[in-house]
């Protein structure tokens, strides 16, 4: 990965909004995959990788400018519990990027419209808590050292970069400690950019209680952090959170909320009412508040991304 130029800036220079994809896991389940597993969507990498390719393709056709890879929960340690050795685990992690790149490149060959940018592949780097598979990515107090976190993330980051991702997606990060570790690791790859998106405790603080204001200011000076924001938070608190971030950083603001339902990490089920309808209207509100990268997280689908695409690229033909 040799990004002399920030790939997000390259898109935002010509477009008011960069459109992200939506949930991967929801779509994999819709295609018949069983994700009741500590490996979550990473399990499908082993059992049925072509379905991942298909979901990425669906999002590109819906209008996404970026695919987020299936590596959120794909880690050397997680695969080790399945008896998969490190070498094979790293190849599986690389495969997440190769699947997304192939879907992007195949789609781009078919694409005759010139109004949209060539989509990016963002390699998902989920938090340490995702590997624990106990919901602690929504709390953030792991009680481990910086060295433990760095050792956990280092080999996966290296593999994702080696596989040719356009940038990294540090996502659902619950703590300032983990964000600092990831930002520090990024410096080992000076040509690489990443976005940094946090999970929220409320509309003014990330999961470990650190204020959004502090996070925005702390990482606003990091040259390799290409965007700062929030993901996997309910739609209801997004606008206020964007306002806090945009008042405290010059970085582009990224938001990709979940459906508004509540996740129970013990039963691994979702409950409550969906509130992600009319994402096209919400995206306008979020853009007005300061967001430039907009998409969906858990329980959102290609039709939600299509709504956003129709709003921001009305002259583009989007196929359902």
Protein backbone atom coordinates (compact mmCIF):
# COMPACT_ATOMS: atom_id res chain seq x y z
CA UNK A 1 0.00 0.00 0.00
CA UNK A 2 1.68 3.23 -1.13
CA UNK A 3 -0.66 6.09 -0.45
CA UNK A 4 1.37 9.19 -1.20
CA UNK A 5 -1.97 10.97 -1.21
CA UNK A 6 -4.69 10.58 1.38
CA UNK A 7 -7.35 8.48 -0.46
CA UNK A 8 -10.23 10.01 1.48
CA UNK A 9 -9.13 13.54 0.62
CA UNK A 10 -8.90 12.50 -3.03
CA UNK A 11 -12.62 11.59 -3.01
CA UNK A 12 -13.80 14.50 -0.86
CA UNK A 13 -12.04 16.96 -3.13
CA UNK A 14 -14.59 16.17 -5.85
CA UNK A 15 -17.60 14.96 -3.84
CA UNK A 16 -19.42 16.50 -0.89
CA UNK A 17 -19.96 13.07 0.70
CA UNK A 18 -18.06 9.79 0.58
CA UNK A 19 -20.62 6.98 0.83
CA UNK A 20 -19.63 3.96 2.92
CA UNK A 21 -21.15 0.49 2.80
CA UNK A 22 -23.45 -1.03 5.42
CA UNK A 23 -23.40 -4.09 7.65
CA UNK A 24 -21.58 -7.17 6.44
CA UNK A 25 -22.84 -9.63 9.05
CA UNK A 26 -26.53 -8.88 8.50
CA UNK A 27 -26.17 -9.57 4.80
CA UNK A 28 -24.15 -12.73 5.34
CA UNK A 29 -26.96 -14.01 7.57
CA UNK A 30 -29.49 -13.08 4.90
CA UNK A 31 -27.47 -15.24 2.50
CA UNK A 32 -27.81 -18.16 4.95
CA UNK A 33 -24.54 -17.92 6.91
CA UNK A 34 -24.53 -18.87 10.59
CA UNK A 35 -22.55 -16.26 12.54
CA UNK A 36 -23.22 -17.63 16.03
CA UNK A 37 -19.52 -18.03 16.61
CA UNK A 38 -16.72 -16.10 18.38
CA UNK A 39 -15.17 -15.60 14.93
CA UNK A 40 -18.41 -13.95 13.74
CA UNK A 41 -18.13 -12.98 10.05
CA UNK A 42 -14.53 -14.26 9.98
CA UNK A 43 -15.98 -17.77 10.15
CA UNK A 44 -17.41 -17.26 6.65
CA UNK A 45 -13.89 -16.59 5.37
CA UNK A 46 -13.14 -20.22 6.06
CA UNK A 47 -16.45 -21.77 5.05
CA UNK A 48 -17.89 -19.68 2.21
CA UNK A 49 -15.72 -16.73 1.13
CA UNK A 50 -17.60 -16.14 -2.13
CA UNK A 51 -20.60 -14.91 -0.14
CA UNK A 52 -18.40 -12.12 1.23
CA UNK A 53 -17.47 -11.20 -2.34
CA UNK A 54 -21.17 -11.13 -3.22
CA UNK A 55 -22.07 -8.80 -0.33
CA UNK A 56 -19.27 -6.39 -1.22
CA UNK A 57 -20.53 -6.41 -4.82
CA UNK A 58 -24.08 -5.66 -3.68
CA UNK A 59 -22.91 -2.60 -1.76
CA UNK A 60 -20.89 -1.28 -4.68
CA UNK A 61 -23.94 -1.61 -6.90
CA UNK A 62 -26.00 0.20 -4.25
CA UNK A 63 -23.64 3.16 -4.53
CA UNK A 64 -20.94 2.63 -1.89
CA UNK A 65 -17.65 4.42 -2.44
CA UNK A 66 -15.91 2.13 0.02
CA UNK A 67 -16.02 -1.49 1.15
CA UNK A 68 -15.05 -2.35 4.71
CA UNK A 69 -13.40 -5.78 4.78
CA UNK A 70 -14.50 -8.84 6.76
CA UNK A 71 -11.47 -8.59 9.07
CA UNK A 72 -13.18 -6.94 12.05
CA UNK A 73 -13.02 -10.12 14.08
CA UNK A 74 -10.33 -11.89 12.06
CA UNK A 75 -7.28 -12.16 14.29
CA UNK A 76 -4.36 -14.53 14.75
CA UNK A 77 -5.45 -15.19 18.34
CA UNK A 78 -9.07 -15.81 17.35
CA UNK A 79 -8.13 -18.28 14.64
CA UNK A 80 -5.70 -20.01 17.03
CA UNK A 81 -8.66 -21.07 19.17
CA UNK A 82 -9.85 -22.94 16.06
CA UNK A 83 -6.51 -24.70 15.73
CA UNK A 84 -5.45 -22.52 12.81
CA UNK A 85 -1.73 -21.78 12.81
CA UNK A 86 -0.40 -18.22 12.51
CA UNK A 87 0.72 -18.50 8.88
CA UNK A 88 -2.70 -19.70 7.71
CA UNK A 89 -4.44 -17.14 9.94
CA UNK A 90 -2.50 -14.30 8.32
CA UNK A 91 -3.41 -15.63 4.86
CA UNK A 92 -7.09 -15.62 5.87
CA UNK A 93 -6.75 -12.03 7.11
CA UNK A 94 -5.18 -11.03 3.78
CA UNK A 95 -8.02 -12.82 2.00
CA UNK A 96 -10.51 -10.30 3.43
CA UNK A 97 -8.76 -7.56 1.46
CA UNK A 98 -8.39 -9.68 -1.69
CA UNK A 99 -12.12 -10.48 -1.73
CA UNK A 100 -13.08 -6.82 -1.37
CA UNK A 101 -10.55 -5.73 -3.99
CA UNK A 102 -11.79 -8.34 -6.46
CA UNK A 103 -15.40 -7.26 -5.90
CA UNK A 104 -14.39 -3.62 -6.39
CA UNK A 105 -12.33 -4.28 -9.51
CA UNK A 106 -14.99 -6.50 -11.10
CA UNK A 107 -17.65 -3.88 -10.36
CA UNK A 108 -15.51 -1.07 -11.73
CA UNK A 109 -15.05 -2.90 -15.04
CA UNK A 110 -18.85 -2.97 -15.41
CA UNK A 111 -19.33 0.64 -14.27
CA UNK A 112 -19.93 3.03 -17.15
CA UNK A 113 -20.77 6.07 -15.02
CA UNK A 114 -17.95 8.54 -14.54
CA UNK A 115 -19.71 10.65 -11.91
CA UNK A 116 -18.73 8.42 -9.01
CA UNK A 117 -15.21 7.88 -7.68
CA UNK A 118 -13.50 4.53 -7.97
CA UNK A 119 -14.40 2.83 -4.67
CA UNK A 120 -11.83 2.23 -1.94
CA UNK A 121 -11.14 -0.89 0.13
CA UNK A 122 -10.84 -0.08 3.83
CA UNK A 123 -9.36 -2.91 5.89
CA UNK A 124 -11.30 -3.30 9.12
CA UNK A 125 -9.25 -3.34 12.31
CA UNK A 126 -11.73 -4.13 15.06
CA UNK A 127 -10.90 -3.55 18.73
CA UNK A 128 -9.33 -6.00 21.16
CA UNK A 129 -12.79 -6.38 22.68
CA UNK A 130 -14.13 -7.88 19.45
CA UNK A 131 -11.66 -10.75 19.79
CA UNK A 132 -12.86 -11.29 23.38
CA UNK A 133 -16.38 -11.67 21.90
CA UNK A 134 -18.00 -10.53 25.15
CA UNK A 135 -19.26 -7.11 24.11
CA UNK A 136 -16.36 -5.27 25.72
CA UNK A 137 -15.84 -3.20 22.57
CA UNK A 138 -18.82 -1.26 23.95
CA UNK A 139 -17.13 -0.71 27.34
CA UNK A 140 -13.43 -0.43 26.62
CA UNK A 141 -11.96 -1.14 30.02
CA UNK A 142 -9.93 -4.22 29.18
CA UNK A 143 -7.36 -3.89 31.95
CA UNK A 144 -4.45 -4.78 29.64
CA UNK A 145 -1.20 -2.96 28.87
CA UNK A 146 -0.37 -0.90 25.80
CA UNK A 147 2.13 -3.63 24.86
CA UNK A 148 -0.58 -6.30 24.94
CA UNK A 149 -2.76 -4.22 22.64
CA UNK A 150 0.12 -3.43 20.29
CA UNK A 151 1.15 -7.10 20.05
CA UNK A 152 -2.46 -8.05 19.36
CA UNK A 153 -2.93 -5.55 16.52
CA UNK A 154 0.51 -5.47 14.90
CA UNK A 155 0.54 -8.64 12.78
CA UNK A 156 -3.01 -8.14 11.51
CA UNK A 157 -2.33 -4.54 10.48
CA UNK A 158 0.80 -5.65 8.65
CA UNK A 159 -1.08 -8.41 6.80
CA UNK A 160 -3.92 -6.09 5.76
CA UNK A 161 -1.47 -3.53 4.39
CA UNK A 162 0.51 -6.22 2.59
CA UNK A 163 -2.69 -7.46 0.92
CA UNK A 164 -3.18 -4.06 -0.72
CA UNK A 165 -5.93 -2.26 1.19
CA UNK A 166 -6.34 1.39 0.25
CA UNK A 167 -6.53 2.40 3.90
CA UNK A 168 -7.25 0.97 7.35
CA UNK A 169 -10.52 1.33 9.27
CA UNK A 170 -9.85 1.48 13.02
CA UNK A 171 -13.49 0.97 14.00
CA UNK A 172 -15.71 0.59 17.05
CA UNK A 173 -12.75 1.67 19.18
CA UNK A 174 -13.99 2.04 22.78
CA UNK A 175 -11.04 3.59 24.56
CA UNK A 176 -8.52 6.36 24.26
CA UNK A 177 -5.82 3.86 25.26
CA UNK A 178 -6.52 1.58 22.29
CA UNK A 179 -6.84 4.51 19.88
CA UNK A 180 -3.42 5.79 20.97
CA UNK A 181 -1.87 2.35 20.47
CA UNK A 182 -3.34 2.06 16.96
CA UNK A 183 -2.22 5.57 16.03
CA UNK A 184 1.27 4.71 17.27
CA UNK A 185 1.39 1.47 15.23
CA UNK A 186 0.37 3.41 12.13
CA UNK A 187 3.62 5.36 12.30
CA UNK A 188 5.49 2.17 11.37
CA UNK A 189 3.81 2.49 7.93
CA UNK A 190 4.34 6.14 6.95
CA UNK A 191 2.53 5.86 3.60
CA UNK A 192 -0.61 4.36 5.14
CA UNK A 193 -3.77 6.22 6.17
CA UNK A 194 -6.57 5.12 8.50
CA UNK A 195 -9.84 6.42 9.77
CA UNK A 196 -10.54 6.26 13.48
CA UNK A 197 -14.12 5.69 14.60
CA UNK A 198 -15.24 5.20 18.18
CA UNK A 199 -18.10 3.42 19.93
CA UNK A 200 -20.12 5.79 22.13
CA UNK A 201 -21.19 5.85 25.76
CA UNK A 202 -23.40 8.85 24.97
CA UNK A 203 -23.43 11.67 22.44
CA UNK A 204 -20.53 13.45 24.15
CA UNK A 205 -18.24 10.58 25.24
CA UNK A 206 -16.76 7.38 23.85
CA UNK A 207 -17.35 4.05 25.59
CA UNK A 208 -14.61 4.37 28.23
CA UNK A 209 -15.89 7.82 29.23
CA UNK A 210 -13.27 9.93 27.43
CA UNK A 211 -14.99 12.98 25.93
CA UNK A 212 -15.39 13.22 22.17
CA UNK A 213 -13.91 16.70 22.46
CA UNK A 214 -10.69 15.26 23.90
CA UNK A 215 -10.53 12.50 21.26
CA UNK A 216 -11.03 14.98 18.42
CA UNK A 217 -8.28 17.22 19.71
CA UNK A 218 -5.90 14.39 20.55
CA UNK A 219 -5.99 12.71 17.12
CA UNK A 220 -6.66 15.83 15.07
CA UNK A 221 -2.92 16.36 14.69
CA UNK A 222 -2.14 12.83 13.51
CA UNK A 223 -1.11 13.14 9.87
CA UNK A 224 -2.09 9.55 9.04
CA UNK A 225 -5.57 9.65 10.58
CA UNK A 226 -7.66 10.59 7.55
CA UNK A 227 -11.03 10.92 9.31
CA UNK A 228 -12.38 10.79 12.85
CA UNK A 229 -15.86 9.76 13.91
CA UNK A 230 -18.23 7.20 15.28
CA UNK A 231 -19.76 3.90 14.27
CA UNK A 232 -22.14 1.30 15.65
CA UNK A 233 -24.00 3.91 17.68
CA UNK A 234 -27.78 4.41 17.44
CA UNK A 235 -29.01 6.99 14.96
CA UNK A 236 -30.59 9.10 17.72
CA UNK A 237 -27.35 10.50 19.15
CA UNK A 238 -25.35 10.90 15.95
CA UNK A 239 -26.09 14.54 15.10
CA UNK A 240 -25.01 15.91 18.47
CA UNK A 241 -21.85 13.78 18.43
CA UNK A 242 -20.94 15.13 14.97
CA UNK A 243 -21.33 18.70 16.23
CA UNK A 244 -18.91 18.03 19.10
CA UNK A 245 -16.35 16.47 16.77
CA UNK A 246 -16.59 19.10 14.05
CA UNK A 247 -16.12 21.88 16.62
CA UNK A 248 -12.87 20.32 17.78
CA UNK A 249 -11.08 18.99 14.68
CA UNK A 250 -10.42 19.94 11.07
CA UNK A 251 -10.40 16.26 10.05
CA UNK A 252 -13.30 14.95 7.95
CA UNK A 253 -16.00 13.46 10.22
CA UNK A 254 -17.07 9.86 9.58
CA UNK A 255 -20.35 8.35 10.82
CA UNK A 256 -21.87 4.96 10.20
CA UNK A 257 -24.49 4.16 12.83
CA UNK A 258 -26.27 0.90 13.52
CA UNK A 259 -29.97 0.33 12.99
CA UNK A 260 -30.90 1.70 16.42
CA UNK A 261 -31.59 -1.71 17.90
CA UNK A 262 -29.74 -2.78 21.05
CA UNK A 263 -27.20 -5.61 21.04
CA UNK A 264 -27.08 -8.11 23.90
CA UNK A 265 -23.51 -9.51 23.99
CA UNK A 266 -24.53 -12.45 26.19
CA UNK A 267 -27.20 -13.79 23.87
CA UNK A 268 -25.62 -12.23 20.74
CA UNK A 269 -29.05 -10.99 19.66
CA UNK A 270 -30.58 -7.63 18.72
CA UNK A 271 -33.69 -6.13 20.32
CA UNK A 272 -35.86 -3.05 20.01
CA UNK A 273 -37.05 -0.92 17.16
CA UNK A 274 -35.16 -0.08 14.03
CA UNK A 275 -34.59 3.66 13.60
CA UNK A 276 -32.43 3.77 10.49
CA UNK A 277 -35.26 4.42 8.04
CA UNK A 278 -34.94 7.54 5.89
CA UNK A 279 -31.15 7.48 6.03
CA UNK A 280 -31.18 9.82 3.05
CA UNK A 281 -32.79 12.54 5.17
CA UNK A 282 -30.58 11.74 8.15
CA UNK A 283 -27.49 11.95 5.96
CA UNK A 284 -28.48 15.49 5.00
CA UNK A 285 -28.81 16.41 8.67
CA UNK A 286 -25.45 14.80 9.47
CA UNK A 287 -23.73 16.52 6.57
CA UNK A 288 -25.12 19.85 7.72
CA UNK A 289 -23.68 19.11 11.20
CA UNK A 290 -20.26 18.41 9.68
CA UNK A 291 -20.07 14.76 8.51
CA UNK A 292 -18.39 14.01 5.17
CA UNK A 293 -18.21 10.17 5.24
CA UNK A 294 -21.58 8.51 5.79
CA UNK A 295 -22.75 4.88 5.77
CA UNK A 296 -24.25 2.18 7.97
CA UNK A 297 -23.07 -0.33 10.56
CA UNK A 298 -24.80 -3.31 12.20
CA UNK A 299 -28.21 -4.28 10.82
CA UNK A 300 -28.12 -1.83 7.92
CA UNK A 301 -28.39 -3.17 4.37
CA UNK A 302 -27.72 -2.29 0.70
CA UNK A 303 -31.11 -0.59 0.39
CA UNK A 304 -30.09 1.85 3.13
CA UNK A 305 -26.90 2.69 1.25
CA UNK A 306 -28.90 3.06 -1.94
CA UNK A 307 -31.07 5.67 -0.18
CA UNK A 308 -27.96 7.67 0.70
CA UNK A 309 -26.56 7.28 -2.81
CA UNK A 310 -29.75 8.52 -4.45
CA UNK A 311 -29.60 11.56 -2.18
CA UNK A 312 -26.00 12.52 -2.89
CA UNK A 313 -25.55 11.22 -6.45
CA UNK A 314 -29.01 11.84 -7.95
CA UNK A 315 -27.76 11.79 -11.54
CA UNK A 316 -26.21 8.37 -11.11
CA UNK A 317 -28.12 5.25 -12.07
CA UNK A 318 -28.14 2.93 -9.08
CA UNK A 319 -29.28 -0.64 -9.59
CA UNK A 320 -31.21 -2.39 -6.86
